[in-house]
Amino acid sequence: MADRFETCLSEVLRYEGGYSDHPSDPGGATNMGITRKTLARWRKVSPWTALPKAEVATLTRGEAGQIYRANYWNASKANALPPGLDLALFDFAVNSGVDRAVRTLQATLGVAADGEIGPETLTAIAKGDPQGLVNALCDRRLRFLESLATFPTFGRGWTRRVAAIRAAAIAAAEKSSSMQRRTVMDILSGYRTYVVAAFMLLAGVAQMLGVDLPTLDGGSAGSLMLEALAIIFLRKGLKNETGSV
C-alpha cells in the first residue's frame, strides 16, 4: 500500500493553522497543531515548561511533519488502513489523541477496544465498507466533541473540521475503489484474448481427436489452431510495443 502520509498531513494542516496561544485552549501555545508540551517531549526538554514559547512559534513544517508521522500516523498504524479511513483516523488522533481515536474506531467495528490496531481490527476493517466506516467514525467523533465542556468555544470550528475531513476521506475512498475496479477490468480485458485463443486451440485439438463440435462448423482443426497461434503472437507483439497487458 502506498504511503499516503504526506497527502493526509496536508489535509490535517489545513485545519491546524499557525501559531496560537488561546487562553481557553488546554494545549496552550500551539503551532501547526503541535503543542508546547508535545514539542518539548519530542526535543527531550524536561520539564516541558522549560521550552520557551518562542520555540513553538518558530517550529518548521519539516519538524512538525516528523512529529506527526512518529506520534500520530505511525502510532495509529494509519498506513495499514484503506485510503480515506486512514485520513479520518489520523485527523481524529491528532485532534483527540491516538488512544481515543483507535478505541473509537474499534468500537465502530465491534471488536475489542484495546487501543491497538492489530490483526483482529485489520480483519474487521477489510470486511467493511471504507466509506461506511469513515461515516461511522466521523459520527462518533463528533458526538465525543459535542460532549466536551469546551465545545461552546471551539465547537463550530470542530464541526466544520470533521465535516471537511469526512468529505475528503469519502472522496479518497471512492477514488481508491474506482481505481481498483478499473485495474480488475483491465486485467480481465487483457487476458480475454488469450482465453479465446486457448479455447480455439482446444477446439482444434478436439477436432483432430474426432470430437464433433457443432458450434465450430466450418472451421477445420488446422485452421482453428493456426488462427489461435496467430492471435496469441499478435497479442504478444502488441503488448511488447505498448507495454500494456
C-alpha atoms as a PDB file:
ATOM      1  CA  MET A   1       0.000   0.000   0.000  1.00  0.00           C
ATOM      2  CA  ALA A   2       1.317   3.420  -0.984  1.00  0.00           C
ATOM      3  CA  ASP A   3       2.415   5.755   1.801  1.00  0.00           C
ATOM      4  CA  ARG A   4      -0.307   8.412   1.972  1.00  0.00           C
ATOM      5  CA  PHE A   5       1.200  10.261   4.905  1.00  0.00           C
ATOM      6  CA  GLU A   6       2.087  13.491   3.088  1.00  0.00           C
ATOM      7  CA  THR A   7      -1.306  13.653   1.402  1.00  0.00           C
ATOM      8  CA  CYS A   8      -3.119  13.147   4.700  1.00  0.00           C
ATOM      9  CA  LEU A   9      -0.810  15.528   6.567  1.00  0.00           C
ATOM     10  CA  SER A  10      -1.586  18.282   4.083  1.00  0.00           C
ATOM     11  CA  GLU A  11      -5.285  17.780   4.795  1.00  0.00           C
ATOM     12  CA  VAL A  12      -4.717  17.872   8.556  1.00  0.00           C
ATOM     13  CA  LEU A  13      -2.633  21.044   8.413  1.00  0.00           C
ATOM     14  CA  ARG A  14      -5.450  22.852   6.609  1.00  0.00           C
ATOM     15  CA  TYR A  15      -7.245  22.988   9.952  1.00  0.00           C
ATOM     16  CA  GLU A  16      -4.380  23.282  12.411  1.00  0.00           C
ATOM     17  CA  GLY A  17      -3.297  26.777  11.427  1.00  0.00           C
ATOM     18  CA  GLY A  18      -0.219  28.623  12.593  1.00  0.00           C
ATOM     19  CA  TYR A  19       0.920  29.773  15.997  1.00  0.00           C
ATOM     20  CA  SER A  20      -1.701  30.451  18.649  1.00  0.00           C
ATOM     21  CA  ASP A  21      -1.881  30.682  22.420  1.00  0.00           C
ATOM     22  CA  HIS A  22      -5.595  30.838  23.215  1.00  0.00           C
ATOM     23  CA  PRO A  23      -6.320  31.105  26.966  1.00  0.00           C
ATOM     24  CA  SER A  24      -9.247  28.639  26.639  1.00  0.00           C
ATOM     25  CA  ASP A  25      -7.153  26.073  24.780  1.00  0.00           C
ATOM     26  CA  PRO A  26      -5.836  23.462  27.263  1.00  0.00           C
ATOM     27  CA  GLY A  27      -2.916  22.807  24.911  1.00  0.00           C
ATOM     28  CA  GLY A  28      -1.569  26.309  25.416  1.00  0.00           C
ATOM     29  CA  ALA A  29       0.977  27.583  22.901  1.00  0.00           C
ATOM     30  CA  THR A  30       0.460  25.638  19.674  1.00  0.00           C
ATOM     31  CA  ASN A  31       1.834  25.782  16.142  1.00  0.00           C
ATOM     32  CA  MET A  32       0.579  23.632  13.228  1.00  0.00           C
ATOM     33  CA  GLY A  33      -1.261  21.606  15.847  1.00  0.00           C
ATOM     34  CA  ILE A  34       1.917  20.833  17.822  1.00  0.00           C
ATOM     35  CA  THR A  35       1.569  21.924  21.440  1.00  0.00           C
ATOM     36  CA  ARG A  36       4.358  23.243  23.599  1.00  0.00           C
ATOM     37  CA  LYS A  37       4.291  20.080  25.719  1.00  0.00           C
ATOM     38  CA  THR A  38       4.437  17.806  22.654  1.00  0.00           C
ATOM     39  CA  LEU A  39       7.353  19.732  21.169  1.00  0.00           C
ATOM     40  CA  ALA A  40       9.225  19.662  24.489  1.00  0.00           C
ATOM     41  CA  ARG A  41       8.825  15.899  24.741  1.00  0.00           C
ATOM     42  CA  TRP A  42       9.925  15.480  21.141  1.00  0.00           C
ATOM     43  CA  ARG A  43      13.072  17.502  21.836  1.00  0.00           C
ATOM     44  CA  LYS A  44      13.531  15.784  25.211  1.00  0.00           C
ATOM     45  CA  VAL A  45      13.218  19.024  27.171  1.00  0.00           C
ATOM     46  CA  SER A  46      12.249  18.438  30.825  1.00  0.00           C
ATOM     47  CA  PRO A  47      10.257  19.859  32.396  1.00  0.00           C
ATOM     48  CA  TRP A  48       8.271  20.819  29.320  1.00  0.00           C
ATOM     49  CA  THR A  49       7.741  24.314  30.699  1.00  0.00           C
ATOM     50  CA  ALA A  50      11.471  24.878  30.211  1.00  0.00           C
ATOM     51  CA  LEU A  51      10.842  25.073  26.479  1.00  0.00           C
ATOM     52  CA  PRO A  52      10.270  28.733  25.566  1.00  0.00           C
ATOM     53  CA  LYS A  53       7.055  29.537  23.710  1.00  0.00           C
ATOM     54  CA  ALA A  54       9.242  31.172  21.083  1.00  0.00           C
ATOM     55  CA  GLU A  55      10.430  27.678  20.081  1.00  0.00           C
ATOM     56  CA  VAL A  56       6.841  26.714  19.360  1.00  0.00           C
ATOM     57  CA  ALA A  57       6.344  29.850  17.300  1.00  0.00           C
ATOM     58  CA  THR A  58       9.389  29.067  15.107  1.00  0.00           C
ATOM     59  CA  LEU A  59       8.590  25.368  14.596  1.00  0.00           C
ATOM     60  CA  THR A  60       9.260  24.339  10.970  1.00  0.00           C
ATOM     61  CA  ARG A  61       6.973  22.331   8.689  1.00  0.00           C
ATOM     62  CA  GLY A  62       9.652  19.668   8.392  1.00  0.00           C
ATOM     63  CA  GLU A  63       9.974  19.063  12.119  1.00  0.00           C
ATOM     64  CA  ALA A  64       6.212  19.215  12.556  1.00  0.00           C
ATOM     65  CA  GLY A  65       5.888  16.513   9.893  1.00  0.00           C
ATOM     66  CA  GLN A  66       8.356  14.276  11.714  1.00  0.00           C
ATOM     67  CA  ILE A  67       6.348  14.637  14.925  1.00  0.00           C
ATOM     68  CA  TYR A  68       3.077  13.907  13.165  1.00  0.00           C
ATOM     69  CA  ARG A  69       4.464  10.802  11.482  1.00  0.00           C
ATOM     70  CA  ALA A  70       6.008   9.356  14.643  1.00  0.00           C
ATOM     71  CA  ASN A  71       3.424  10.352  17.236  1.00  0.00           C
ATOM     72  CA  TYR A  72       0.192  10.043  15.293  1.00  0.00           C
ATOM     73  CA  TRP A  73       0.493   8.388  11.867  1.00  0.00           C
ATOM     74  CA  ASN A  74       2.756   5.504  12.875  1.00  0.00           C
ATOM     75  CA  ALA A  75       1.279   5.251  16.370  1.00  0.00           C
ATOM     76  CA  SER A  76      -2.219   4.766  14.965  1.00  0.00           C
ATOM     77  CA  LYS A  77      -0.974   2.476  12.148  1.00  0.00           C
ATOM     78  CA  ALA A  78      -2.844   4.667   9.697  1.00  0.00           C
ATOM     79  CA  ASN A  79      -0.687   3.444   6.801  1.00  0.00           C
ATOM     80  CA  ALA A  80      -2.226  -0.042   7.237  1.00  0.00           C
ATOM     81  CA  LEU A  81      -5.719   1.336   6.626  1.00  0.00           C
ATOM     82  CA  PRO A  82      -7.503   1.816   3.298  1.00  0.00           C
ATOM     83  CA  PRO A  83      -7.444   5.274   1.702  1.00  0.00           C
ATOM     84  CA  GLY A  84      -9.996   7.557   3.301  1.00  0.00           C
ATOM     85  CA  LEU A  85     -10.204   5.702   6.591  1.00  0.00           C
ATOM     86  CA  ASP A  86      -6.510   6.460   7.114  1.00  0.00           C
ATOM     87  CA  LEU A  87      -7.219  10.198   6.939  1.00  0.00           C
ATOM     88  CA  ALA A  88     -10.305  10.018   9.172  1.00  0.00           C
ATOM     89  CA  LEU A  89      -8.414   8.124  11.885  1.00  0.00           C
ATOM     90  CA  PHE A  90      -5.243  10.221  11.569  1.00  0.00           C
ATOM     91  CA  ASP A  91      -7.046  13.532  11.933  1.00  0.00           C
ATOM     92  CA  PHE A  92      -9.060  12.177  14.874  1.00  0.00           C
ATOM     93  CA  ALA A  93      -5.810  11.031  16.540  1.00  0.00           C
ATOM     94  CA  VAL A  94      -4.216  14.445  16.031  1.00  0.00           C
ATOM     95  CA  ASN A  95      -7.247  16.261  17.418  1.00  0.00           C
ATOM     96  CA  SER A  96      -8.140  13.974  20.343  1.00  0.00           C
ATOM     97  CA  GLY A  97      -5.270  11.532  20.899  1.00  0.00           C
ATOM     98  CA  VAL A  98      -4.260   8.232  19.310  1.00  0.00           C
ATOM     99  CA  ASP A  99      -5.736   6.025  22.030  1.00  0.00           C
ATOM    100  CA  ARG A 100      -9.179   7.621  21.859  1.00  0.00           C
ATOM    101  CA  ALA A 101      -9.222   7.596  18.060  1.00  0.00           C
ATOM    102  CA  VAL A 102      -8.232   3.935  17.797  1.00  0.00           C
ATOM    103  CA  ARG A 103     -10.640   2.819  20.531  1.00  0.00           C
ATOM    104  CA  THR A 104     -13.448   4.716  18.822  1.00  0.00           C
ATOM    105  CA  LEU A 105     -12.666   3.003  15.522  1.00  0.00           C
ATOM    106  CA  GLN A 106     -12.632  -0.382  17.271  1.00  0.00           C
ATOM    107  CA  ALA A 107     -15.983   0.360  18.916  1.00  0.00           C
ATOM    108  CA  THR A 108     -17.322   1.215  15.460  1.00  0.00           C
ATOM    109  CA  LEU A 109     -16.070  -2.133  14.154  1.00  0.00           C
ATOM    110  CA  GLY A 110     -17.420  -4.081  17.122  1.00  0.00           C
ATOM    111  CA  VAL A 111     -14.038  -5.523  18.115  1.00  0.00           C
ATOM    112  CA  ALA A 112     -12.157  -5.373  21.416  1.00  0.00           C
ATOM    113  CA  ALA A 113     -11.320  -1.723  22.102  1.00  0.00           C
ATOM    114  CA  ASP A 114      -7.755  -2.126  23.355  1.00  0.00           C
ATOM    115  CA  GLY A 115      -6.309   0.932  21.609  1.00  0.00           C
ATOM    116  CA  GLU A 116      -4.034  -1.150  19.348  1.00  0.00           C
ATOM    117  CA  ILE A 117      -4.528  -1.727  15.624  1.00  0.00           C
ATOM    118  CA  GLY A 118      -3.826  -5.461  15.421  1.00  0.00           C
ATOM    119  CA  PRO A 119      -4.877  -8.455  13.271  1.00  0.00           C
ATOM    120  CA  GLU A 120      -8.450  -8.552  14.642  1.00  0.00           C
ATOM    121  CA  THR A 121      -9.028  -4.877  13.911  1.00  0.00           C
ATOM    122  CA  LEU A 122      -7.454  -5.071  10.448  1.00  0.00           C
ATOM    123  CA  THR A 123      -9.546  -8.132   9.565  1.00  0.00           C
ATOM    124  CA  ALA A 124     -12.715  -6.320  10.583  1.00  0.00           C
ATOM    125  CA  ILE A 125     -11.682  -3.289   8.511  1.00  0.00           C
ATOM    126  CA  ALA A 126     -11.029  -5.476   5.462  1.00  0.00           C
ATOM    127  CA  LYS A 127     -14.547  -6.905   5.722  1.00  0.00           C
ATOM    128  CA  GLY A 128     -16.157  -3.487   5.996  1.00  0.00           C
ATOM    129  CA  ASP A 129     -17.026  -0.758   3.536  1.00  0.00           C
ATOM    130  CA  PRO A 130     -14.397   2.033   3.783  1.00  0.00           C
ATOM    131  CA  GLN A 131     -16.926   4.774   3.074  1.00  0.00           C
ATOM    132  CA  GLY A 132     -19.335   3.404   5.659  1.00  0.00           C
ATOM    133  CA  LEU A 133     -16.542   3.167   8.224  1.00  0.00           C
ATOM    134  CA  VAL A 134     -15.473   6.751   7.539  1.00  0.00           C
ATOM    135  CA  ASN A 135     -19.014   7.995   8.141  1.00  0.00           C
ATOM    136  CA  ALA A 136     -19.469   5.922  11.298  1.00  0.00           C
ATOM    137  CA  LEU A 137     -16.115   7.021  12.742  1.00  0.00           C
ATOM    138  CA  CYS A 138     -16.788  10.696  11.991  1.00  0.00           C
ATOM    139  CA  ASP A 139     -20.237  10.433  13.578  1.00  0.00           C
ATOM    140  CA  ARG A 140     -18.787   9.012  16.791  1.00  0.00           C
ATOM    141  CA  ARG A 141     -16.005  11.591  16.775  1.00  0.00           C
ATOM    142  CA  LEU A 142     -18.478  14.430  16.502  1.00  0.00           C
ATOM    143  CA  ARG A 143     -20.585  13.056  19.372  1.00  0.00           C
ATOM    144  CA  PHE A 144     -17.470  12.931  21.545  1.00  0.00           C
ATOM    145  CA  LEU A 145     -16.557  16.521  20.716  1.00  0.00           C
ATOM    146  CA  GLU A 146     -20.062  17.684  21.479  1.00  0.00           C
ATOM    147  CA  SER A 147     -19.734  16.207  24.980  1.00  0.00           C
ATOM    148  CA  LEU A 148     -16.705  18.359  25.848  1.00  0.00           C
ATOM    149  CA  ALA A 149     -17.005  21.393  28.109  1.00  0.00           C
ATOM    150  CA  THR A 150     -15.035  23.465  25.583  1.00  0.00           C
ATOM    151  CA  PHE A 151     -17.469  22.691  22.746  1.00  0.00           C
ATOM    152  CA  PRO A 152     -19.301  26.051  23.132  1.00  0.00           C
ATOM    153  CA  THR A 153     -15.969  27.798  22.468  1.00  0.00           C
ATOM    154  CA  PHE A 154     -14.467  25.604  19.776  1.00  0.00           C
ATOM    155  CA  GLY A 155     -17.474  23.565  18.610  1.00  0.00           C
ATOM    156  CA  ARG A 156     -18.186  25.473  15.419  1.00  0.00           C
ATOM    157  CA  GLY A 157     -14.618  25.031  14.183  1.00  0.00           C
ATOM    158  CA  TRP A 158     -14.502  21.381  15.237  1.00  0.00           C
ATOM    159  CA  THR A 159     -17.776  20.669  13.458  1.00  0.00           C
ATOM    160  CA  ARG A 160     -16.520  22.261  10.237  1.00  0.00           C
ATOM    161  CA  ARG A 161     -13.278  20.324  10.524  1.00  0.00           C
ATOM    162  CA  VAL A 162     -14.979  16.947  10.956  1.00  0.00           C
ATOM    163  CA  ALA A 163     -17.281  17.702   8.022  1.00  0.00           C
ATOM    164  CA  ALA A 164     -14.346  18.664   5.785  1.00  0.00           C
ATOM    165  CA  ILE A 165     -12.283  15.635   6.800  1.00  0.00           C
ATOM    166  CA  ARG A 166     -15.283  13.393   6.230  1.00  0.00           C
ATOM    167  CA  ALA A 167     -15.729  14.784   2.703  1.00  0.00           C
ATOM    168  CA  ALA A 168     -12.005  14.416   1.858  1.00  0.00           C
ATOM    169  CA  ALA A 169     -11.912  10.889   3.295  1.00  0.00           C
ATOM    170  CA  ILE A 170     -15.005   9.786   1.370  1.00  0.00           C
ATOM    171  CA  ALA A 171     -13.529  11.200  -1.836  1.00  0.00           C
ATOM    172  CA  ALA A 172     -10.281   9.279  -1.247  1.00  0.00           C
ATOM    173  CA  ALA A 173     -12.192   6.059  -0.554  1.00  0.00           C
ATOM    174  CA  GLU A 174     -14.284   6.467  -3.704  1.00  0.00           C
ATOM    175  CA  LYS A 175     -11.210   7.171  -5.821  1.00  0.00           C
ATOM    176  CA  SER A 176      -9.415   4.106  -4.454  1.00  0.00           C
ATOM    177  CA  SER A 177     -12.451   1.892  -5.072  1.00  0.00           C
ATOM    178  CA  SER A 178     -12.785   3.182  -8.636  1.00  0.00           C
ATOM    179  CA  MET A 179      -9.094   2.560  -9.342  1.00  0.00           C
ATOM    180  CA  GLN A 180      -9.346  -0.995  -8.011  1.00  0.00           C
ATOM    181  CA  ARG A 181     -12.344  -1.722 -10.238  1.00  0.00           C
ATOM    182  CA  ARG A 182     -10.545  -0.351 -13.294  1.00  0.00           C
ATOM    183  CA  THR A 183      -7.474  -2.456 -12.514  1.00  0.00           C
ATOM    184  CA  VAL A 184      -9.533  -5.635 -12.305  1.00  0.00           C
ATOM    185  CA  MET A 185     -11.357  -4.834 -15.567  1.00  0.00           C
ATOM    186  CA  ASP A 186      -8.071  -4.036 -17.319  1.00  0.00           C
ATOM    187  CA  ILE A 187      -6.634  -7.382 -16.229  1.00  0.00           C
ATOM    188  CA  LEU A 188      -9.709  -9.285 -17.372  1.00  0.00           C
ATOM    189  CA  SER A 189      -9.799  -7.394 -20.654  1.00  0.00           C
ATOM    190  CA  GLY A 190      -6.101  -8.029 -21.263  1.00  0.00           C
ATOM    191  CA  TYR A 191      -6.361 -11.773 -20.754  1.00  0.00           C
ATOM    192  CA  ARG A 192      -9.664 -12.232 -22.606  1.00  0.00           C
ATOM    193  CA  THR A 193      -7.803 -12.547 -25.910  1.00  0.00           C
ATOM    194  CA  TYR A 194      -5.657 -15.365 -24.522  1.00  0.00           C
ATOM    195  CA  VAL A 195      -8.736 -17.167 -23.228  1.00  0.00           C
ATOM    196  CA  VAL A 196     -10.356 -17.059 -26.663  1.00  0.00           C
ATOM    197  CA  ALA A 197      -7.157 -18.263 -28.329  1.00  0.00           C
ATOM    198  CA  ALA A 198      -6.782 -21.085 -25.812  1.00  0.00           C
ATOM    199  CA  PHE A 199     -10.359 -22.169 -26.488  1.00  0.00           C
ATOM    200  CA  MET A 200      -9.677 -22.224 -30.226  1.00  0.00           C
ATOM    201  CA  LEU A 201      -6.565 -24.339 -29.678  1.00  0.00           C
ATOM    202  CA  LEU A 202      -8.503 -26.799 -27.555  1.00  0.00           C
ATOM    203  CA  ALA A 203     -11.261 -26.913 -30.157  1.00  0.00           C
ATOM    204  CA  GLY A 204      -8.717 -27.689 -32.881  1.00  0.00           C
ATOM    205  CA  VAL A 205      -7.141 -30.469 -30.812  1.00  0.00           C
ATOM    206  CA  ALA A 206     -10.611 -31.834 -30.038  1.00  0.00           C
ATOM    207  CA  GLN A 207     -11.489 -31.988 -33.753  1.00  0.00           C
ATOM    208  CA  MET A 208      -8.219 -33.757 -34.524  1.00  0.00           C
ATOM    209  CA  LEU A 209      -9.190 -36.351 -31.928  1.00  0.00           C
ATOM    210  CA  GLY A 210     -12.551 -36.843 -33.574  1.00  0.00           C
ATOM    211  CA  VAL A 211     -14.672 -34.882 -31.146  1.00  0.00           C
ATOM    212  CA  ASP A 212     -17.507 -33.182 -33.023  1.00  0.00           C
ATOM    213  CA  LEU A 213     -18.101 -29.547 -32.045  1.00  0.00           C
ATOM    214  CA  PRO A 214     -21.245 -28.312 -33.864  1.00  0.00           C
ATOM    215  CA  THR A 215     -20.751 -24.686 -32.795  1.00  0.00           C
ATOM    216  CA  LEU A 216     -17.483 -24.563 -34.703  1.00  0.00           C
ATOM    217  CA  ASP A 217     -18.737 -25.989 -38.033  1.00  0.00           C
ATOM    218  CA  GLY A 218     -16.898 -24.559 -40.982  1.00  0.00           C
ATOM    219  CA  GLY A 219     -13.551 -24.319 -39.255  1.00  0.00           C
ATOM    220  CA  SER A 220     -11.054 -27.144 -39.699  1.00  0.00           C
ATOM    221  CA  ALA A 221      -8.824 -28.282 -36.866  1.00  0.00           C
ATOM    222  CA  GLY A 222      -5.747 -26.981 -38.631  1.00  0.00           C
ATOM    223  CA  SER A 223      -7.206 -23.551 -39.369  1.00  0.00           C
ATOM    224  CA  LEU A 224      -8.505 -23.156 -35.814  1.00  0.00           C
ATOM    225  CA  MET A 225      -5.086 -23.928 -34.369  1.00  0.00           C
ATOM    226  CA  LEU A 226      -3.287 -21.621 -36.805  1.00  0.00           C
ATOM    227  CA  GLU A 227      -5.721 -18.786 -36.065  1.00  0.00           C
ATOM    228  CA  ALA A 228      -5.286 -19.312 -32.331  1.00  0.00           C
ATOM    229  CA  LEU A 229      -1.498 -19.173 -32.585  1.00  0.00           C
ATOM    230  CA  ALA A 230      -1.717 -16.087 -34.777  1.00  0.00           C
ATOM    231  CA  ILE A 231      -3.913 -14.343 -32.170  1.00  0.00           C
ATOM    232  CA  ILE A 232      -1.510 -15.199 -29.355  1.00  0.00           C
ATOM    233  CA  PHE A 233       1.579 -13.975 -31.177  1.00  0.00           C
ATOM    234  CA  LEU A 234      -0.188 -10.854 -32.427  1.00  0.00           C
ATOM    235  CA  ARG A 235      -1.352 -10.070 -28.896  1.00  0.00           C
ATOM    236  CA  LYS A 236       2.159 -10.643 -27.515  1.00  0.00           C
ATOM    237  CA  GLY A 237       3.612  -8.318 -30.139  1.00  0.00           C
ATOM    238  CA  LEU A 238       1.142  -5.565 -29.273  1.00  0.00           C
ATOM    239  CA  LYS A 239       1.866  -5.999 -25.585  1.00  0.00           C
ATOM    240  CA  ASN A 240       5.623  -5.608 -26.139  1.00  0.00           C
ATOM    241  CA  GLU A 241       5.083  -2.495 -28.263  1.00  0.00           C
ATOM    242  CA  THR A 242       2.647  -0.752 -25.935  1.00  0.00           C
ATOM    243  CA  GLY A 243       3.854  -2.079 -22.597  1.00  0.00           C
ATOM    244  CA  SER A 244       0.245  -2.943 -21.649  1.00  0.00           C
ATOM    245  CA  VAL A 245      -1.298  -6.245 -20.579  1.00  0.00           C
END
